[in-house]
Structure formats: structure tokens, C-alpha cells
Amino acid sequence: MRTIPIEPMDEVALRPFADLLAAPAAGPRQDHASPIENRRAGVSANLALIRSEPFAGLMPLTRLERHPQSSQAFLPLAVDSYLVVVAPDRDGRPDEAAIRAFRVPGQAGINYRAGAWHAHLMTVLAPGTFAMLVHEDGTPEDCVFAAIAPVTLSAG
């Protein structure tokens, strides 16, 4: 089984898959911090609360997911740190050879781009709570899963 190292957050490396949502550098508000994508007319936004479990109990990873028609934002409400696992697309599937994992501090959110392959949300040390925003209508276009060869994540 392959092991993927958990890297420190790298905003530039993450950019093809998602935007990091951090506190505004100046001023009380940062408008349009990241694009909210919805490629399906008439599909409403779903603001959900998500409880996430630590990654150690969720290994190995055996699948990735993507939301082909919508961005998906996660905003930590009570989280120390969490993991973002991404892979580029290769012929409609995740490129397993290019999977990367990043440790994100709990005061920063993430907004996956529509169609970006990613793993389910996992905290690092303790369970956490997130607000999640995605456009869904209950059809198969909401979320697509792809099985991958099992991988584990390693902090070093």
C-alpha cells in the first residue's frame, strides 16, 4: 500500500484544485474571496453542518470524489487542523500517481473548484465541525466517486 506524505499547507500547490480561505489581510471584509460555482440552473445551494473525524480512524483511503457541477466550500467552526487530499483529473478519473495531502490550519477554510478530485473531509487530532456549502439537487450529478488503490497518509 502506498503512503502519501502530509505536506504543510501550500496555497500555490493547492490553487488548481481549490482556494484557501483565510482571514482578510486588511479591512473588515473580503468580497469574492473565492468563486461559488453552480453549473446547473435551478439547483439550490445547500448549507450543511458537517462533523468530521480524525484521519487515523479513516485509513486507508480507497476512493476520491468530485462535484462536477458545483464548487464545495468548507468553513471550520470548531477545528484545530484538517487534511485536504487532492488529485488532478486524468481522463475523467483521479490521477493516482499525483495525489497530494495538505495539513490546513483550523482558522482557514477551503473552497474546492467544481470537478476537483478530493477525499472526504478529515480532521487531524480530534473530531471537528464545519459549515459546508455546495449546490445539490439529489441527482447523480451532485457527487461522483472513483475507487483508487488504497493509500495511507503519513505526517512524516
C-alpha atoms as a PDB file:
ATOM      1  CA  MET A   1       0.000   0.000   0.000  1.00  0.00           C
ATOM      2  CA  ARG A   2       1.320   3.420  -0.948  1.00  0.00           C
ATOM      3  CA  THR A   3       1.814   6.159   1.670  1.00  0.00           C
ATOM      4  CA  ILE A   4       1.236   9.824   0.819  1.00  0.00           C
ATOM      5  CA  PRO A   5       3.129  12.366   2.962  1.00  0.00           C
ATOM      6  CA  ILE A   6       1.068  15.112   4.583  1.00  0.00           C
ATOM      7  CA  GLU A   7       2.612  18.393   3.486  1.00  0.00           C
ATOM      8  CA  PRO A   8       2.287  21.786   5.141  1.00  0.00           C
ATOM      9  CA  MET A   9      -0.379  23.955   3.528  1.00  0.00           C
ATOM     10  CA  ASP A  10       0.900  25.264   0.179  1.00  0.00           C
ATOM     11  CA  GLU A  11      -1.556  27.728  -1.317  1.00  0.00           C
ATOM     12  CA  VAL A  12       0.175  27.736  -4.719  1.00  0.00           C
ATOM     13  CA  ALA A  13       0.162  23.915  -4.992  1.00  0.00           C
ATOM     14  CA  LEU A  14      -3.490  23.826  -3.945  1.00  0.00           C
ATOM     15  CA  ARG A  15      -4.647  26.511  -6.423  1.00  0.00           C
ATOM     16  CA  PRO A  16      -5.517  24.125  -9.345  1.00  0.00           C
ATOM     17  CA  PHE A  17      -7.963  22.304  -7.032  1.00  0.00           C
ATOM     18  CA  ALA A  18      -9.217  24.845  -4.507  1.00  0.00           C
ATOM     19  CA  ASP A  19      -8.846  28.248  -2.920  1.00  0.00           C
ATOM     20  CA  LEU A  20      -7.637  28.673   0.629  1.00  0.00           C
ATOM     21  CA  LEU A  21      -9.993  30.955   2.553  1.00  0.00           C
ATOM     22  CA  ALA A  22      -8.034  32.920   5.139  1.00  0.00           C
ATOM     23  CA  ALA A  23      -8.835  35.998   7.194  1.00  0.00           C
ATOM     24  CA  PRO A  24      -8.748  39.287   5.249  1.00  0.00           C
ATOM     25  CA  ALA A  25      -5.297  40.904   5.259  1.00  0.00           C
ATOM     26  CA  ALA A  26      -6.839  44.359   5.709  1.00  0.00           C
ATOM     27  CA  GLY A  27     -10.262  45.817   6.257  1.00  0.00           C
ATOM     28  CA  PRO A  28     -13.300  44.209   7.823  1.00  0.00           C
ATOM     29  CA  ARG A  29     -14.442  42.297   4.738  1.00  0.00           C
ATOM     30  CA  GLN A  30     -13.030  40.483   1.694  1.00  0.00           C
ATOM     31  CA  ASP A  31     -15.658  40.223  -1.038  1.00  0.00           C
ATOM     32  CA  HIS A  32     -15.478  37.470  -3.663  1.00  0.00           C
ATOM     33  CA  ALA A  33     -12.884  35.518  -1.685  1.00  0.00           C
ATOM     34  CA  SER A  34     -13.429  32.528  -3.988  1.00  0.00           C
ATOM     35  CA  PRO A  35     -15.825  31.780  -6.852  1.00  0.00           C
ATOM     36  CA  ILE A  36     -19.009  29.932  -5.891  1.00  0.00           C
ATOM     37  CA  GLU A  37     -19.636  27.724  -8.930  1.00  0.00           C
ATOM     38  CA  ASN A  38     -23.027  26.334  -9.919  1.00  0.00           C
ATOM     39  CA  ARG A  39     -23.204  24.966 -13.462  1.00  0.00           C
ATOM     40  CA  ARG A  40     -26.840  23.800 -13.226  1.00  0.00           C
ATOM     41  CA  ALA A  41     -29.680  26.285 -13.459  1.00  0.00           C
ATOM     42  CA  GLY A  42     -32.331  25.853 -10.805  1.00  0.00           C
ATOM     43  CA  VAL A  43     -30.149  23.848  -8.407  1.00  0.00           C
ATOM     44  CA  SER A  44     -30.164  25.450  -4.990  1.00  0.00           C
ATOM     45  CA  ALA A  45     -27.365  25.894  -2.511  1.00  0.00           C
ATOM     46  CA  ASN A  46     -27.106  23.508   0.411  1.00  0.00           C
ATOM     47  CA  LEU A  47     -25.567  24.975   3.558  1.00  0.00           C
ATOM     48  CA  ALA A  48     -24.888  21.987   5.796  1.00  0.00           C
ATOM     49  CA  LEU A  49     -23.101  21.366   9.066  1.00  0.00           C
ATOM     50  CA  ILE A  50     -20.562  18.544   8.895  1.00  0.00           C
ATOM     51  CA  ARG A  51     -18.932  16.583  11.707  1.00  0.00           C
ATOM     52  CA  SER A  52     -15.536  15.293  10.652  1.00  0.00           C
ATOM     53  CA  GLU A  53     -13.477  12.543  12.251  1.00  0.00           C
ATOM     54  CA  PRO A  54      -9.671  12.321  12.591  1.00  0.00           C
ATOM     55  CA  PHE A  55      -7.908  10.734   9.628  1.00  0.00           C
ATOM     56  CA  ALA A  56      -6.224   7.992  11.672  1.00  0.00           C
ATOM     57  CA  GLY A  57      -9.525   6.166  12.015  1.00  0.00           C
ATOM     58  CA  LEU A  58     -10.425   6.600   8.339  1.00  0.00           C
ATOM     59  CA  MET A  59      -7.436   4.939   6.679  1.00  0.00           C
ATOM     60  CA  PRO A  60      -6.779   3.673   4.149  1.00  0.00           C
ATOM     61  CA  LEU A  61      -8.296   5.986   1.563  1.00  0.00           C
ATOM     62  CA  THR A  62      -9.971   3.873  -1.100  1.00  0.00           C
ATOM     63  CA  ARG A  63     -11.884   6.483  -3.098  1.00  0.00           C
ATOM     64  CA  LEU A  64     -11.914  10.117  -4.113  1.00  0.00           C
ATOM     65  CA  GLU A  65     -14.902  12.262  -5.033  1.00  0.00           C
ATOM     66  CA  ARG A  66     -15.712  15.305  -7.076  1.00  0.00           C
ATOM     67  CA  HIS A  67     -18.673  17.585  -7.606  1.00  0.00           C
ATOM     68  CA  PRO A  68     -18.731  18.128 -11.381  1.00  0.00           C
ATOM     69  CA  GLN A  69     -21.290  20.927 -11.357  1.00  0.00           C
ATOM     70  CA  SER A  70     -20.571  22.820  -8.132  1.00  0.00           C
ATOM     71  CA  SER A  71     -17.796  24.207  -6.015  1.00  0.00           C
ATOM     72  CA  GLN A  72     -17.749  22.896  -2.443  1.00  0.00           C
ATOM     73  CA  ALA A  73     -16.679  25.123   0.432  1.00  0.00           C
ATOM     74  CA  PHE A  74     -15.747  24.014   3.947  1.00  0.00           C
ATOM     75  CA  LEU A  75     -15.543  26.633   6.698  1.00  0.00           C
ATOM     76  CA  PRO A  76     -14.204  25.369  10.030  1.00  0.00           C
ATOM     77  CA  LEU A  77     -16.384  26.195  13.032  1.00  0.00           C
ATOM     78  CA  ALA A  78     -14.623  24.133  15.709  1.00  0.00           C
ATOM     79  CA  VAL A  79     -11.470  22.585  14.232  1.00  0.00           C
ATOM     80  CA  ASP A  80      -7.801  22.515  15.243  1.00  0.00           C
ATOM     81  CA  SER A  81      -6.491  21.425  11.831  1.00  0.00           C
ATOM     82  CA  TYR A  82      -7.665  19.244   8.970  1.00  0.00           C
ATOM     83  CA  LEU A  83      -6.468  17.465   5.856  1.00  0.00           C
ATOM     84  CA  VAL A  84      -7.076  18.282   2.226  1.00  0.00           C
ATOM     85  CA  VAL A  85      -6.299  15.424  -0.182  1.00  0.00           C
ATOM     86  CA  VAL A  86      -6.469  16.227  -3.915  1.00  0.00           C
ATOM     87  CA  ALA A  87      -5.578  14.721  -7.274  1.00  0.00           C
ATOM     88  CA  PRO A  88      -5.614  16.098 -10.819  1.00  0.00           C
ATOM     89  CA  ASP A  89      -8.051  14.703 -13.357  1.00  0.00           C
ATOM     90  CA  ARG A  90      -6.735  12.195 -15.875  1.00  0.00           C
ATOM     91  CA  ASP A  91      -9.239  11.066 -18.488  1.00  0.00           C
ATOM     92  CA  GLY A  92     -12.194  11.526 -16.136  1.00  0.00           C
ATOM     93  CA  ARG A  93     -10.538   9.796 -13.173  1.00  0.00           C
ATOM     94  CA  PRO A  94      -8.189  10.941 -10.438  1.00  0.00           C
ATOM     95  CA  ASP A  95      -4.514  10.685 -11.341  1.00  0.00           C
ATOM     96  CA  GLU A  96      -3.482   8.387  -8.506  1.00  0.00           C
ATOM     97  CA  ALA A  97       0.238   8.967  -9.075  1.00  0.00           C
ATOM     98  CA  ALA A  98      -0.243  12.684  -8.355  1.00  0.00           C
ATOM     99  CA  ILE A  99      -2.320  12.531  -5.133  1.00  0.00           C
ATOM    100  CA  ARG A 100      -1.225  15.165  -2.599  1.00  0.00           C
ATOM    101  CA  ALA A 101      -2.236  15.769   1.005  1.00  0.00           C
ATOM    102  CA  PHE A 102      -2.008  19.081   2.891  1.00  0.00           C
ATOM    103  CA  ARG A 103      -2.495  19.983   6.534  1.00  0.00           C
ATOM    104  CA  VAL A 104      -4.705  23.079   6.815  1.00  0.00           C
ATOM    105  CA  PRO A 105      -4.873  25.178   9.996  1.00  0.00           C
ATOM    106  CA  GLY A 106      -8.315  25.285  11.584  1.00  0.00           C
ATOM    107  CA  GLN A 107      -8.702  29.042  11.109  1.00  0.00           C
ATOM    108  CA  ALA A 108      -8.651  28.723   7.285  1.00  0.00           C
ATOM    109  CA  GLY A 109     -11.404  27.398   5.040  1.00  0.00           C
ATOM    110  CA  ILE A 110     -11.211  25.695   1.678  1.00  0.00           C
ATOM    111  CA  ASN A 111     -13.308  26.030  -1.482  1.00  0.00           C
ATOM    112  CA  TYR A 112     -12.872  23.152  -3.948  1.00  0.00           C
ATOM    113  CA  ARG A 113     -13.382  24.040  -7.586  1.00  0.00           C
ATOM    114  CA  ALA A 114     -16.167  22.280  -9.494  1.00  0.00           C
ATOM    115  CA  GLY A 115     -14.801  18.987 -10.788  1.00  0.00           C
ATOM    116  CA  ALA A 116     -11.762  18.827  -8.469  1.00  0.00           C
ATOM    117  CA  TRP A 117     -10.973  15.326  -7.187  1.00  0.00           C
ATOM    118  CA  HIS A 118     -10.649  15.254  -3.396  1.00  0.00           C
ATOM    119  CA  ALA A 119     -11.005  12.983  -0.391  1.00  0.00           C
ATOM    120  CA  HIS A 120     -13.718  13.263   2.219  1.00  0.00           C
ATOM    121  CA  LEU A 121     -13.017  15.808   4.930  1.00  0.00           C
ATOM    122  CA  MET A 122     -10.775  14.611   7.778  1.00  0.00           C
ATOM    123  CA  THR A 123      -9.550  16.413  10.874  1.00  0.00           C
ATOM    124  CA  VAL A 124      -6.091  15.722  12.296  1.00  0.00           C
ATOM    125  CA  LEU A 125      -6.334  15.175  16.062  1.00  0.00           C
ATOM    126  CA  ALA A 126      -9.932  15.422  17.229  1.00  0.00           C
ATOM    127  CA  PRO A 127     -13.408  15.494  15.675  1.00  0.00           C
ATOM    128  CA  GLY A 128     -14.388  18.869  14.255  1.00  0.00           C
ATOM    129  CA  THR A 129     -17.357  20.779  12.896  1.00  0.00           C
ATOM    130  CA  PHE A 130     -17.541  22.599   9.555  1.00  0.00           C
ATOM    131  CA  ALA A 131     -20.107  24.588   7.641  1.00  0.00           C
ATOM    132  CA  MET A 132     -20.255  23.231   4.077  1.00  0.00           C
ATOM    133  CA  LEU A 133     -21.721  24.975   1.020  1.00  0.00           C
ATOM    134  CA  VAL A 134     -22.462  23.094  -2.227  1.00  0.00           C
ATOM    135  CA  HIS A 135     -25.210  23.183  -4.882  1.00  0.00           C
ATOM    136  CA  GLU A 136     -27.175  19.916  -4.888  1.00  0.00           C
ATOM    137  CA  ASP A 137     -30.468  18.569  -6.179  1.00  0.00           C
ATOM    138  CA  GLY A 138     -30.248  14.890  -5.186  1.00  0.00           C
ATOM    139  CA  THR A 139     -29.211  13.593  -8.625  1.00  0.00           C
ATOM    140  CA  PRO A 140     -26.061  11.632  -9.557  1.00  0.00           C
ATOM    141  CA  GLU A 141     -24.511  14.872 -10.910  1.00  0.00           C
ATOM    142  CA  ASP A 142     -24.158  16.103  -7.307  1.00  0.00           C
ATOM    143  CA  CYS A 143     -21.191  13.879  -6.460  1.00  0.00           C
ATOM    144  CA  VAL A 144     -19.149  11.320  -8.404  1.00  0.00           C
ATOM    145  CA  PHE A 145     -16.932   8.751  -6.674  1.00  0.00           C
ATOM    146  CA  ALA A 146     -13.895   6.945  -8.072  1.00  0.00           C
ATOM    147  CA  ALA A 147     -12.252   3.937  -6.439  1.00  0.00           C
ATOM    148  CA  ILE A 148      -8.476   4.236  -6.029  1.00  0.00           C
ATOM    149  CA  ALA A 149      -5.777   1.817  -4.950  1.00  0.00           C
ATOM    150  CA  PRO A 150      -5.666   2.052  -1.143  1.00  0.00           C
ATOM    151  CA  VAL A 151      -3.336   4.747   0.226  1.00  0.00           C
ATOM    152  CA  THR A 152      -2.480   5.882   3.717  1.00  0.00           C
ATOM    153  CA  LEU A 153      -1.373   9.313   4.879  1.00  0.00           C
ATOM    154  CA  SER A 154       1.734   9.963   6.918  1.00  0.00           C
ATOM    155  CA  ALA A 155       2.645  13.053   8.937  1.00  0.00           C
ATOM    156  CA  GLY A 156       6.294  12.488   8.309  1.00  0.00           C
END
